Amino acid sequence: MKKFFRRSISLALALVMATGLLASCGGNKLGGNSKGLEVDPAEVAMPLAEKATIKGLTQFPAGTESDPNNRTIFQRLEEQTNVHVEWRAIQKDQWGDTIQLEMSNAKTLPDFVFDAGFGEVDLLKYSKQGVIIPLEDYIDKYMPNLKKVFEQVPEYEAMCRDSEGHIWGLPWIEQLGYHNTAIQLLGNMPFINTAWLDFLGLEMPTTVDEFEAVLIAFRDNAAALKAQFNIDGDIIPMSCIVNDGGQDPFILINGFGEGYGDPDAGKHLAVTDEGKVVSVATSEGFKKGTAWLHKLYEEKLIDVEAFTQDWSTYVAKGKSGRYGVCFTWDVGNVAPSLEGWAPLPMLKADTVNLTPATASYTSGFQRGRCVVTSVAENPALVCAWLDQMYAPLQSPQNNWGTYGEDDGFDIFTMGTNAKGEPMLQHAPLGDKSPVEVREAESVNGPLAILDSYYGEYVTLPDDAAYRLDWIKEIYTPVCTAKYCLPSFFMTQEDSVTDSNLGADIGKCINEFKARAVLEGFSDADWDQFQADLQSYKLDEYVALYQKYFDAYLEAQK
């Protein structure tokens, strides 16, 4: 990334932050770092002229290979780079309890933590303690693959930098689509049973009134539907799990009022085209849409267990063929099959709109997937090796799995693209579980798969391909938002404020949603809800996000 872009980020954030909480750029309190930025890049260019050894810490899923050096991906990397990694690996289900102890022990601390999964609070804590080193200058000098990623999609670099412009962690990036074609544009995708529509001679609904009429038809023709489709159990016109992310039904209220809906199940925030951060729970559309959902519940069109059922119960009823409408990431997870189901378009009430889910325009991002510690004797070498993870043919393998495994389990075969150049092609798995194969082969850690890679370096997974098609055909045309709330790297103090305020505000909103859909609400109830939000300092919470959003925009000028 160009120098002026980095400086603009740092300057913009400095203008809106009263103080910075981080330690100085050096931060080398634990020793090491005898070879730093003075190393000539030619000395650490891969493959090395002479064999070198570095030390890493990572995690592995239970029931899979525990020694990273026995995984095909790392074996190939050693051959390609002439770098041997002395690994220590911790079982994934023990990682959370163990990693903090590991990071506090300088005697056993490795050169880098490969699959750290650190959030901004962790990164700020370890940077302040001097346990990890800032990486922005190492990226500039020794990491051309990652630098190219940042040049192609500058938003990712902006989200990696703290309020002083430092990068403390190497990111994981998995783009599938971009901006309003991103696969994460909406998580709680609504699906409708087209087999039932066809049997009853109904059209795909496009308005809230038409949708309500369809649900009523499902309810009133329950006996005929059960007989026609051999369904065991009661017909449920619409099932969902209120306040459960991907299964939440509030995606349906996007057409009411201002059209914000409720795109963020955690923060309940959105950004207007004028760049103003707003709480959707204070909007007229949220009020009208919630009242409409209660009307559907009163008419016995919504599953009575929508407020209490867990995922396994939700799936079990869906697999029995009892749903007319449901909500999930992929209907194949809930319905008996993909056949006979289609995504429900955004419904018109006062308008037709889809507000993008938070961070979906730059989706698939974690800023702290890998860190380099201050005990690393040659951080330039460590960073140069880690940069190989960002090579376009390497990242998909680290993320999903590889090819040519001795046991015959393969995520990919190595083929060619239209130019005759190497391209990873997703292989048929037969009756093998994709999760099982992926965990057996992948190594995760820092990586980047950009939307531009598909068709050039790697093929799209089948399940991603049809979901992306749905999004482009049905939802992208009605998602015209100029902005999407991104993922911010807050200061430690602001992160604590965000966590404290967000917990109370989120609980207040979710409790109102569930109670209002179940029991209904009066104007007095709504006023009390608004007063409760203010008592939890909603204005301060929104202002916090506005501060960071303003800095984010300024940094990209």
Protein backbone atom coordinates (compact mmCIF):
# COMPACT_ATOMS: atom_id res chain seq x y z
CA MET A 1 0.00 0.00 0.00
CA LYS A 2 1.26 3.47 -0.78
CA LYS A 3 2.75 5.58 2.00
CA PHE A 4 0.21 8.38 1.63
CA PHE A 5 -2.65 5.97 2.27
CA ARG A 6 -1.11 4.74 5.50
CA ARG A 7 -0.44 8.26 6.68
CA SER A 8 -3.99 9.33 5.87
CA ILE A 9 -5.40 6.52 7.98
CA SER A 10 -3.22 7.42 10.92
CA LEU A 11 -3.91 11.14 10.59
CA ALA A 12 -7.66 10.71 10.19
CA LEU A 13 -7.95 8.50 13.22
CA ALA A 14 -5.73 10.76 15.27
CA LEU A 15 -8.07 13.66 14.56
CA VAL A 16 -11.00 11.85 16.15
CA MET A 17 -9.22 10.07 19.01
CA ALA A 18 -8.40 12.09 22.09
CA THR A 19 -5.63 9.76 23.13
CA GLY A 20 -3.93 6.56 21.99
CA LEU A 21 -3.56 3.71 24.41
CA LEU A 22 -0.90 1.69 22.62
CA ALA A 23 2.74 1.32 23.43
CA SER A 24 5.35 2.76 21.09
CA CYS A 25 6.00 1.21 17.72
CA GLY A 26 9.00 -0.73 19.02
CA GLY A 27 7.21 -2.57 21.81
CA ASN A 28 10.05 -5.06 22.32
CA LYS A 29 9.78 -5.71 26.05
CA LEU A 30 10.46 -9.44 25.89
CA GLY A 31 13.73 -9.31 23.98
CA GLY A 32 14.69 -10.85 20.62
CA ASN A 33 14.31 -8.94 17.35
CA SER A 34 18.08 -9.02 16.75
CA LYS A 35 17.39 -8.94 13.01
CA GLY A 36 14.72 -6.45 12.08
CA LEU A 37 14.04 -4.15 9.18
CA GLU A 38 17.72 -3.85 8.30
CA VAL A 39 17.58 -7.28 6.62
CA ASP A 40 17.93 -7.11 2.85
CA PRO A 41 14.74 -8.53 1.24
CA ALA A 42 16.95 -10.61 -1.03
CA GLU A 43 18.24 -12.49 2.02
CA VAL A 44 14.75 -13.75 2.87
CA ALA A 45 13.40 -14.23 -0.65
CA MET A 46 11.76 -17.64 -1.06
CA PRO A 47 13.08 -20.25 -1.52
CA LEU A 48 15.99 -19.55 0.80
CA ALA A 49 19.49 -20.37 -0.39
CA GLU A 50 20.14 -22.20 2.88
CA LYS A 51 17.75 -24.06 5.15
CA ALA A 52 16.35 -22.00 8.04
CA THR A 53 14.18 -22.83 11.02
CA ILE A 54 11.46 -20.73 12.66
CA LYS A 55 9.08 -21.55 15.50
CA GLY A 56 5.28 -21.40 15.38
CA LEU A 57 2.24 -22.12 17.52
CA THR A 58 -1.10 -23.18 16.04
CA GLN A 59 -4.26 -25.18 16.76
CA PHE A 60 -5.89 -28.26 15.24
CA PRO A 61 -9.42 -29.73 15.33
CA ALA A 62 -9.97 -32.71 17.60
CA GLY A 63 -9.74 -36.03 15.77
CA THR A 64 -7.42 -34.71 13.06
CA GLU A 65 -3.64 -34.73 12.54
CA SER A 66 -2.00 -33.10 15.55
CA ASP A 67 1.45 -32.55 14.02
CA PRO A 68 1.29 -29.71 11.47
CA ASN A 69 4.39 -31.02 9.70
CA ASN A 70 2.46 -34.18 8.80
CA ARG A 71 -0.08 -32.11 6.84
CA THR A 72 0.48 -32.02 3.09
CA ILE A 73 0.15 -28.24 2.91
CA PHE A 74 3.01 -27.58 5.33
CA GLN A 75 5.15 -30.31 3.79
CA ARG A 76 4.84 -28.66 0.37
CA LEU A 77 5.54 -25.23 1.87
CA GLU A 78 8.78 -26.50 3.40
CA GLU A 79 9.88 -27.84 0.00
CA GLN A 80 8.93 -24.58 -1.72
CA THR A 81 10.50 -22.20 0.81
CA ASN A 82 13.40 -24.17 2.35
CA VAL A 83 12.06 -23.07 5.72
CA HIS A 84 11.41 -25.63 8.44
CA VAL A 85 8.87 -24.74 11.12
CA GLU A 86 9.17 -26.20 14.60
CA TRP A 87 5.51 -26.35 15.53
CA ARG A 88 3.70 -26.64 18.78
CA ALA A 89 0.01 -27.41 18.30
CA ILE A 90 -2.90 -27.15 20.73
CA GLN A 91 -6.22 -28.92 20.25
CA LYS A 92 -8.84 -26.45 19.08
CA ASP A 93 -11.28 -27.05 21.94
CA GLN A 94 -8.50 -26.21 24.43
CA TRP A 95 -7.20 -23.14 22.59
CA GLY A 96 -9.24 -20.50 24.39
CA ASP A 97 -8.13 -21.68 27.83
CA THR A 98 -4.49 -22.15 26.84
CA ILE A 99 -3.48 -19.31 24.53
CA GLN A 100 -3.47 -16.59 27.20
CA LEU A 101 -1.03 -18.61 29.29
CA GLU A 102 1.12 -19.22 26.23
CA MET A 103 1.26 -15.50 25.42
CA SER A 104 2.42 -14.69 28.95
CA ASN A 105 5.37 -17.10 29.01
CA ALA A 106 8.41 -15.57 27.29
CA LYS A 107 10.43 -18.77 27.80
CA THR A 108 8.16 -20.82 25.54
CA LEU A 109 6.81 -18.09 23.27
CA PRO A 110 7.39 -18.96 19.58
CA ASP A 111 8.30 -16.60 16.73
CA PHE A 112 4.67 -16.39 15.61
CA VAL A 113 1.18 -17.59 16.44
CA PHE A 114 -0.28 -18.88 13.20
CA ASP A 115 -3.99 -19.39 13.83
CA ALA A 116 -4.41 -17.00 16.74
CA GLY A 117 -7.94 -15.70 16.16
CA PHE A 118 -7.24 -12.59 18.23
CA GLY A 119 -9.77 -9.76 18.40
CA GLU A 120 -8.88 -6.10 18.75
CA VAL A 121 -8.88 -6.27 22.56
CA ASP A 122 -6.31 -9.09 22.46
CA LEU A 123 -4.15 -7.28 19.90
CA LEU A 124 -4.15 -4.06 21.92
CA LYS A 125 -3.38 -5.88 25.14
CA TYR A 126 -0.45 -7.83 23.73
CA SER A 127 0.88 -4.81 21.86
CA LYS A 128 0.81 -2.71 25.01
CA GLN A 129 2.59 -5.48 26.89
CA GLY A 130 5.23 -5.68 24.17
CA VAL A 131 4.45 -9.33 23.42
CA ILE A 132 3.80 -8.75 19.71
CA ILE A 133 5.42 -6.39 17.19
CA PRO A 134 3.85 -3.93 14.71
CA LEU A 135 3.92 -5.30 11.17
CA GLU A 136 3.17 -2.42 8.80
CA ASP A 137 6.83 -1.82 7.87
CA TYR A 138 7.51 -5.55 7.53
CA ILE A 139 4.52 -5.83 5.20
CA ASP A 140 5.91 -3.01 3.06
CA LYS A 141 9.37 -4.54 2.83
CA TYR A 142 8.98 -8.31 3.05
CA MET A 143 5.37 -9.24 2.24
CA PRO A 144 4.63 -8.45 -1.43
CA ASN A 145 1.68 -10.87 -1.64
CA LEU A 146 -0.18 -9.25 1.26
CA LYS A 147 0.82 -5.80 0.05
CA LYS A 148 -0.80 -6.57 -3.30
CA VAL A 149 -4.00 -7.69 -1.54
CA PHE A 150 -4.13 -4.36 0.30
CA GLU A 151 -3.55 -2.48 -2.96
CA GLN A 152 -6.43 -4.34 -4.63
CA VAL A 153 -8.88 -3.82 -1.74
CA PRO A 154 -7.67 -0.89 0.42
CA GLU A 155 -10.56 -1.27 2.87
CA TYR A 156 -8.87 -4.35 4.33
CA GLU A 157 -5.72 -2.43 5.20
CA ALA A 158 -7.81 0.32 6.79
CA MET A 159 -9.57 -2.25 8.98
CA CYS A 160 -6.25 -3.81 10.04
CA ARG A 161 -4.83 -0.55 11.40
CA ASP A 162 -5.30 0.75 14.94
CA SER A 163 -5.85 4.39 15.90
CA GLU A 164 -2.11 5.09 15.56
CA GLY A 165 -1.83 3.43 12.17
CA HIS A 166 -0.14 0.21 13.36
CA ILE A 167 -0.94 -3.28 12.12
CA TRP A 168 -0.59 -5.81 14.96
CA GLY A 169 -2.10 -8.87 13.31
CA LEU A 170 -2.14 -10.49 9.87
CA PRO A 171 -5.67 -10.90 8.51
CA TRP A 172 -7.80 -13.75 7.26
CA ILE A 173 -9.82 -12.64 4.24
CA GLU A 174 -12.39 -14.70 2.35
CA GLN A 175 -14.24 -12.70 -0.25
CA LEU A 176 -17.14 -14.28 -2.09
CA GLY A 177 -18.69 -11.51 -4.12
CA TYR A 178 -17.96 -7.88 -3.37
CA HIS A 179 -19.91 -4.88 -2.10
CA ASN A 180 -23.62 -5.54 -2.74
CA THR A 181 -22.92 -8.90 -4.41
CA ALA A 182 -21.12 -10.30 -1.32
CA ILE A 183 -22.22 -13.70 -0.07
CA GLN A 184 -22.72 -12.28 3.44
CA LEU A 185 -24.99 -9.48 2.20
CA LEU A 186 -27.79 -11.06 4.25
CA GLY A 187 -27.35 -13.95 6.63
CA ASN A 188 -30.98 -14.69 7.46
CA MET A 189 -32.09 -15.36 3.89
CA PRO A 190 -35.85 -16.02 3.64
CA PHE A 191 -36.92 -19.09 1.66
CA ILE A 192 -40.40 -20.07 0.45
CA ASN A 193 -41.78 -23.49 -0.46
CA THR A 194 -42.44 -23.16 -4.20
CA ALA A 195 -43.83 -26.70 -4.36
CA TRP A 196 -46.65 -25.55 -2.07
CA LEU A 197 -47.11 -22.38 -4.13
CA ASP A 198 -47.44 -24.41 -7.34
CA PHE A 199 -49.83 -26.93 -5.78
CA LEU A 200 -52.11 -24.15 -4.55
CA GLY A 201 -51.82 -22.13 -7.76
CA LEU A 202 -50.16 -19.17 -6.02
CA GLU A 203 -47.65 -16.65 -7.35
CA MET A 204 -44.41 -15.64 -5.67
CA PRO A 205 -45.38 -12.80 -3.27
CA THR A 206 -43.71 -9.43 -3.73
CA THR A 207 -45.56 -7.30 -1.15
CA VAL A 208 -46.27 -7.78 2.55
CA ASP A 209 -50.00 -8.13 1.80
CA GLU A 210 -49.38 -10.82 -0.84
CA PHE A 211 -47.02 -12.60 1.53
CA GLU A 212 -49.60 -12.62 4.30
CA ALA A 213 -52.19 -14.00 1.88
CA VAL A 214 -49.82 -16.82 0.90
CA LEU A 215 -49.23 -17.76 4.55
CA ILE A 216 -52.98 -17.78 5.14
CA ALA A 217 -53.40 -20.09 2.14
CA PHE A 218 -50.76 -22.44 3.60
CA ARG A 219 -52.62 -22.42 6.93
CA ASP A 220 -56.09 -22.90 5.48
CA ASN A 221 -55.03 -25.69 3.11
CA ALA A 222 -53.01 -27.61 5.65
CA ALA A 223 -54.93 -30.86 5.22
CA ALA A 224 -54.52 -30.83 1.44
CA LEU A 225 -50.80 -30.04 1.72
CA LYS A 226 -50.24 -32.86 4.20
CA ALA A 227 -51.99 -35.34 1.94
CA GLN A 228 -50.31 -34.17 -1.27
CA PHE A 229 -46.78 -34.13 0.14
CA ASN A 230 -47.14 -36.99 2.65
CA ILE A 231 -46.18 -34.77 5.59
CA ASP A 232 -46.03 -36.21 9.09
CA GLY A 233 -46.85 -33.43 11.57
CA ASP A 234 -48.68 -30.12 11.53
CA ILE A 235 -48.21 -27.65 8.71
CA ILE A 236 -46.29 -24.55 9.82
CA PRO A 237 -46.81 -21.62 7.42
CA MET A 238 -43.66 -19.84 8.63
CA SER A 239 -40.97 -20.98 11.04
CA CYS A 240 -38.01 -19.05 12.40
CA ILE A 241 -35.98 -18.50 15.56
CA VAL A 242 -36.42 -14.95 16.82
CA ASN A 243 -33.10 -13.28 17.75
CA ASP A 244 -31.05 -16.17 16.39
CA GLY A 245 -29.03 -14.47 13.65
CA GLY A 246 -29.52 -16.44 10.44
CA GLN A 247 -32.91 -17.76 11.53
CA ASP A 248 -34.36 -14.40 12.64
CA PRO A 249 -37.47 -13.24 10.71
CA PHE A 250 -36.82 -9.49 10.92
CA ILE A 251 -35.36 -9.49 7.40
CA LEU A 252 -39.04 -9.29 6.38
CA ILE A 253 -39.54 -5.79 7.80
CA ASN A 254 -37.07 -4.04 5.48
CA GLY A 255 -39.89 -2.58 3.40
CA PHE A 256 -41.47 -0.64 6.24
CA GLY A 257 -40.89 3.06 6.91
CA GLU A 258 -37.35 4.18 6.14
CA GLY A 259 -36.44 0.69 4.96
CA TYR A 260 -33.62 0.01 7.44
CA GLY A 261 -34.96 -3.30 8.70
CA ASP A 262 -32.68 -4.91 11.29
CA PRO A 263 -29.51 -5.89 9.39
CA ASP A 264 -27.28 -6.40 12.42
CA ALA A 265 -28.45 -8.92 15.00
CA GLY A 266 -25.74 -7.78 17.42
CA LYS A 267 -25.52 -4.00 17.15
CA HIS A 268 -28.84 -3.15 15.45
CA LEU A 269 -27.11 -0.28 13.61
CA ALA A 270 -27.17 0.92 10.01
CA VAL A 271 -25.62 3.74 7.99
CA THR A 272 -27.63 6.18 5.86
CA ASP A 273 -26.48 7.28 2.42
CA GLU A 274 -25.52 10.58 4.05
CA GLY A 275 -23.03 8.73 6.24
CA LYS A 276 -25.05 8.92 9.46
CA VAL A 277 -24.96 5.95 11.83
CA VAL A 278 -28.44 5.20 13.17
CA SER A 279 -30.05 2.75 15.56
CA VAL A 280 -32.70 0.88 13.58
CA ALA A 281 -34.65 0.22 16.79
CA THR A 282 -35.66 3.87 16.99
CA SER A 283 -37.05 4.00 13.45
CA GLU A 284 -40.68 4.16 12.37
CA GLY A 285 -40.04 1.21 10.05
CA PHE A 286 -38.92 -0.97 12.95
CA LYS A 287 -42.07 -0.07 14.86
CA LYS A 288 -44.43 -0.73 11.94
CA GLY A 289 -42.62 -3.90 10.87
CA THR A 290 -42.64 -5.39 14.37
CA ALA A 291 -46.38 -4.69 14.69
CA TRP A 292 -46.93 -6.48 11.36
CA LEU A 293 -44.99 -9.54 12.53
CA HIS A 294 -47.20 -9.65 15.63
CA LYS A 295 -50.24 -9.59 13.35
CA LEU A 296 -48.87 -12.65 11.53
CA TYR A 297 -48.35 -14.40 14.87
CA GLU A 298 -51.89 -13.57 16.01
CA GLU A 299 -53.19 -15.11 12.79
CA LYS A 300 -51.36 -18.35 13.65
CA LEU A 301 -49.01 -18.00 10.71
CA ILE A 302 -45.76 -18.13 12.71
CA ASP A 303 -44.42 -21.20 14.50
CA VAL A 304 -45.44 -21.11 18.17
CA GLU A 305 -41.94 -22.40 19.04
CA ALA A 306 -40.24 -19.51 17.20
CA PHE A 307 -39.16 -17.96 20.52
CA THR A 308 -37.87 -21.10 22.23
CA GLN A 309 -36.71 -23.74 19.75
CA ASP A 310 -33.06 -24.56 19.25
CA TRP A 311 -31.31 -25.31 15.98
CA SER A 312 -31.76 -29.09 16.15
CA THR A 313 -35.51 -28.79 16.71
CA TYR A 314 -35.81 -26.20 13.95
CA VAL A 315 -33.97 -28.47 11.49
CA ALA A 316 -35.85 -31.61 12.49
CA LYS A 317 -39.22 -30.01 11.76
CA GLY A 318 -37.90 -28.55 8.51
CA LYS A 319 -36.52 -31.87 7.31
CA SER A 320 -40.00 -33.32 7.90
CA GLY A 321 -41.29 -31.01 5.18
CA ARG A 322 -43.57 -28.97 7.46
CA TYR A 323 -42.47 -25.42 6.58
CA GLY A 324 -43.93 -23.02 4.06
CA VAL A 325 -41.33 -20.33 4.82
CA CYS A 326 -38.09 -20.51 6.78
CA PHE A 327 -34.90 -18.53 7.32
CA THR A 328 -31.32 -19.74 7.14
CA TRP A 329 -28.01 -19.38 5.30
CA ASP A 330 -28.78 -22.23 2.88
CA VAL A 331 -32.23 -23.81 2.69
CA GLY A 332 -30.58 -27.18 2.12
CA ASN A 333 -29.62 -27.08 5.80
CA VAL A 334 -33.27 -26.98 6.88
CA ALA A 335 -35.53 -28.27 4.08
CA PRO A 336 -35.58 -31.90 2.88
CA SER A 337 -33.78 -30.76 -0.30
CA LEU A 338 -33.08 -27.69 -2.43
CA GLU A 339 -35.72 -28.77 -4.91
CA GLY A 340 -39.05 -27.05 -4.41
CA TRP A 341 -37.60 -24.04 -2.58
CA ALA A 342 -36.58 -20.55 -3.66
CA PRO A 343 -35.38 -17.37 -1.95
CA LEU A 344 -38.20 -14.97 -1.09
CA PRO A 345 -37.69 -11.52 -2.65
CA MET A 346 -37.64 -8.41 -0.48
CA LEU A 347 -41.23 -7.48 0.21
CA LYS A 348 -42.71 -4.07 -0.46
CA ALA A 349 -44.56 -2.25 2.29
CA ASP A 350 -43.68 1.44 2.10
CA THR A 351 -40.60 0.74 -0.03
CA VAL A 352 -38.49 -2.13 -1.36
CA ASN A 353 -35.02 -2.26 0.13
CA LEU A 354 -32.31 -4.48 1.57
CA THR A 355 -29.96 -2.94 4.11
CA PRO A 356 -26.60 -4.75 3.92
CA ALA A 357 -25.53 -6.76 6.95
CA THR A 358 -22.77 -5.15 9.00
CA ALA A 359 -19.32 -5.58 7.40
CA SER A 360 -20.82 -7.52 4.47
CA TYR A 361 -19.40 -5.18 1.82
CA THR A 362 -15.93 -6.27 3.01
CA SER A 363 -17.08 -9.64 4.24
CA GLY A 364 -15.03 -12.58 5.44
CA PHE A 365 -12.50 -10.65 7.53
CA GLN A 366 -10.60 -11.21 10.77
CA ARG A 367 -7.81 -8.80 11.65
CA GLY A 368 -5.91 -10.91 14.21
CA ARG A 369 -5.51 -14.32 12.59
CA CYS A 370 -1.71 -14.34 13.02
CA VAL A 371 0.80 -12.36 15.12
CA VAL A 372 4.59 -12.13 15.21
CA THR A 373 6.03 -12.08 18.70
CA SER A 374 8.79 -9.85 20.06
CA VAL A 375 11.01 -12.87 20.79
CA ALA A 376 11.40 -13.61 17.08
CA GLU A 377 15.12 -13.33 16.33
CA ASN A 378 14.52 -12.74 12.62
CA PRO A 379 11.07 -11.20 12.14
CA ALA A 380 11.91 -10.36 8.53
CA LEU A 381 12.31 -14.07 7.78
CA VAL A 382 9.14 -14.92 9.69
CA CYS A 383 7.14 -12.32 7.78
CA ALA A 384 8.60 -13.38 4.44
CA TRP A 385 7.52 -16.98 5.14
CA LEU A 386 4.07 -15.90 6.33
CA ASP A 387 3.67 -13.90 3.15
CA GLN A 388 3.64 -17.18 1.21
CA MET A 389 0.23 -17.83 2.80
CA TYR A 390 -1.12 -14.88 0.79
CA ALA A 391 -0.06 -16.29 -2.60
CA PRO A 392 -3.24 -16.67 -4.70
CA LEU A 393 -2.78 -20.43 -5.19
CA GLN A 394 -1.81 -20.99 -1.55
CA SER A 395 -4.60 -19.17 0.30
CA PRO A 396 -7.48 -21.35 -1.01
CA GLN A 397 -5.61 -24.48 0.08
CA ASN A 398 -4.93 -23.13 3.57
CA ASN A 399 -8.61 -22.18 3.85
CA TRP A 400 -10.36 -25.24 2.40
CA GLY A 401 -7.88 -28.05 1.83
CA THR A 402 -5.54 -29.30 -0.84
CA TYR A 403 -4.98 -31.83 -3.63
CA GLY A 404 -3.00 -35.04 -4.05
CA GLU A 405 -3.54 -36.37 -0.53
CA ASP A 406 -2.30 -39.94 -0.03
CA ASP A 407 -5.54 -40.98 1.68
CA GLY A 408 -7.66 -39.93 -1.32
CA PHE A 409 -9.51 -37.18 0.54
CA ASP A 410 -9.26 -34.13 -1.68
CA ILE A 411 -10.93 -30.74 -1.67
CA PHE A 412 -9.19 -29.83 -4.94
CA THR A 413 -7.63 -31.20 -8.06
CA MET A 414 -4.99 -29.10 -9.79
CA GLY A 415 -6.23 -28.07 -13.21
CA THR A 416 -5.87 -25.06 -15.48
CA ASN A 417 -7.84 -21.90 -16.14
CA ALA A 418 -8.89 -20.47 -19.51
CA LYS A 419 -5.36 -19.11 -19.99
CA GLY A 420 -3.81 -22.53 -19.42
CA GLU A 421 -2.39 -21.45 -16.06
CA PRO A 422 -2.64 -23.51 -12.83
CA MET A 423 -6.04 -23.33 -11.11
CA LEU A 424 -7.41 -25.21 -8.10
CA GLN A 425 -10.64 -26.97 -9.01
CA HIS A 426 -13.08 -28.17 -6.35
CA ALA A 427 -13.26 -31.94 -6.44
CA PRO A 428 -16.39 -34.08 -5.97
CA LEU A 429 -16.51 -35.44 -2.43
CA GLY A 430 -19.05 -38.21 -2.97
CA ASP A 431 -20.47 -39.19 0.39
CA LYS A 432 -17.67 -37.49 2.33
CA SER A 433 -18.58 -34.64 4.64
CA PRO A 434 -17.12 -31.31 3.38
CA VAL A 435 -16.43 -30.30 6.98
CA GLU A 436 -14.61 -33.55 7.68
CA VAL A 437 -12.41 -33.26 4.60
CA ARG A 438 -11.73 -29.59 5.22
CA GLU A 439 -10.64 -30.12 8.81
CA ALA A 440 -8.42 -33.02 7.78
CA GLU A 441 -6.57 -30.98 5.16
CA SER A 442 -6.75 -27.22 5.81
CA VAL A 443 -4.39 -25.27 8.07
CA ASN A 444 -6.28 -21.94 8.24
CA GLY A 445 -4.12 -19.11 9.61
CA PRO A 446 -3.45 -15.88 7.67
CA LEU A 447 -4.71 -15.89 4.08
CA ALA A 448 -6.61 -13.90 1.49
CA ILE A 449 -9.04 -15.10 -1.18
CA LEU A 450 -10.34 -12.18 -3.20
CA ASP A 451 -13.42 -12.25 -5.37
CA SER A 452 -11.21 -11.72 -8.42
CA TYR A 453 -9.47 -15.07 -7.78
CA TYR A 454 -12.47 -17.18 -8.78
CA GLY A 455 -12.11 -18.52 -12.28
CA GLU A 456 -8.42 -17.58 -12.33
CA TYR A 457 -6.84 -19.32 -9.34
CA VAL A 458 -9.71 -21.35 -7.87
CA THR A 459 -13.24 -22.45 -8.69
CA LEU A 460 -16.26 -21.55 -6.60
CA PRO A 461 -17.66 -24.21 -4.24
CA ASP A 462 -21.06 -25.36 -5.54
CA ASP A 463 -22.97 -24.19 -2.47
CA ALA A 464 -21.35 -20.76 -2.68
CA ALA A 465 -22.04 -20.52 -6.42
CA TYR A 466 -25.80 -20.93 -6.17
CA ARG A 467 -26.05 -18.65 -3.14
CA LEU A 468 -24.13 -15.94 -4.99
CA ASP A 469 -26.46 -16.38 -7.97
CA TRP A 470 -29.46 -15.89 -5.68
CA ILE A 471 -27.94 -12.74 -4.22
CA LYS A 472 -27.06 -11.20 -7.59
CA GLU A 473 -30.45 -12.01 -9.13
CA ILE A 474 -32.77 -11.25 -6.21
CA TYR A 475 -31.12 -9.06 -3.59
CA THR A 476 -28.36 -6.99 -5.21
CA PRO A 477 -30.86 -5.00 -7.33
CA VAL A 478 -32.66 -3.79 -4.18
CA CYS A 479 -29.52 -3.26 -2.08
CA THR A 480 -28.45 0.19 -3.18
CA ALA A 481 -26.95 1.43 0.09
CA LYS A 482 -23.95 3.68 -0.43
CA TYR A 483 -22.40 2.59 2.85
CA CYS A 484 -22.17 -0.52 4.97
CA LEU A 485 -21.03 -0.38 8.59
CA PRO A 486 -17.51 -1.89 8.50
CA SER A 487 -15.46 -3.69 11.14
CA PHE A 488 -13.65 -1.10 13.27
CA PHE A 489 -10.37 -1.39 15.17
CA MET A 490 -11.26 0.56 18.30
CA THR A 491 -8.93 1.66 21.06
CA GLN A 492 -8.89 -0.47 24.18
CA GLU A 493 -10.94 2.08 26.09
CA ASP A 494 -13.52 2.38 23.34
CA SER A 495 -13.71 -1.39 22.95
CA VAL A 496 -14.66 -1.69 26.61
CA THR A 497 -17.28 1.05 26.19
CA ASP A 498 -18.63 -0.66 23.09
CA SER A 499 -18.86 -4.00 24.88
CA ASN A 500 -20.55 -2.60 27.98
CA LEU A 501 -23.07 -0.41 26.21
CA GLY A 502 -23.71 -2.91 23.44
CA ALA A 503 -24.55 -5.72 25.86
CA ASP A 504 -27.30 -3.75 27.60
CA ILE A 505 -28.68 -2.16 24.43
CA GLY A 506 -28.68 -5.44 22.52
CA LYS A 507 -30.47 -7.23 25.33
CA CYS A 508 -33.08 -4.46 25.55
CA ILE A 509 -33.78 -4.59 21.80
CA ASN A 510 -33.92 -8.38 21.60
CA GLU A 511 -36.26 -8.61 24.56
CA PHE A 512 -38.56 -6.06 22.97
CA LYS A 513 -38.51 -7.89 19.62
CA ALA A 514 -39.52 -11.22 21.13
CA ARG A 515 -42.14 -9.78 23.48
CA ALA A 516 -43.64 -7.48 20.84
CA VAL A 517 -44.03 -10.22 18.22
CA LEU A 518 -45.49 -12.61 20.79
CA GLU A 519 -47.78 -10.24 22.71
CA GLY A 520 -48.04 -7.06 20.66
CA PHE A 521 -47.39 -3.56 22.00
CA SER A 522 -49.08 -0.19 22.46
CA ASP A 523 -47.77 3.29 21.74
CA ALA A 524 -47.06 3.58 25.44
CA ASP A 525 -45.01 0.35 25.29
CA TRP A 526 -43.05 1.74 22.34
CA ASP A 527 -42.37 4.99 24.19
CA GLN A 528 -41.15 3.06 27.20
CA PHE A 529 -38.88 0.99 24.93
CA GLN A 530 -37.35 4.19 23.55
CA ALA A 531 -36.87 5.55 27.07
CA ASP A 532 -35.18 2.31 28.12
CA LEU A 533 -32.77 2.57 25.18
CA GLN A 534 -31.84 6.09 26.21
CA SER A 535 -31.30 4.97 29.78
CA TYR A 536 -28.74 2.50 28.42
CA LYS A 537 -26.95 5.42 26.69
CA LEU A 538 -27.99 4.63 23.13
CA ASP A 539 -26.93 8.09 21.93
CA GLU A 540 -23.42 7.57 23.32
CA TYR A 541 -23.28 4.13 21.66
CA VAL A 542 -24.31 5.51 18.25
CA ALA A 543 -21.88 8.44 18.62
CA LEU A 544 -19.03 6.00 19.27
CA TYR A 545 -19.68 4.25 15.96
CA GLN A 546 -20.16 7.56 14.19
CA LYS A 547 -16.70 8.66 15.32
CA TYR A 548 -15.07 5.58 13.86
CA PHE A 549 -17.15 5.64 10.70
CA ASP A 550 -16.17 9.25 10.04
CA ALA A 551 -12.50 8.34 10.50
CA TYR A 552 -12.91 5.32 8.22
CA LEU A 553 -14.30 7.53 5.44
CA GLU A 554 -11.63 10.18 5.95
CA ALA A 555 -8.88 7.57 5.74
CA GLN A 556 -9.97 6.54 2.27
CA LYS A 557 -9.88 10.04 0.74
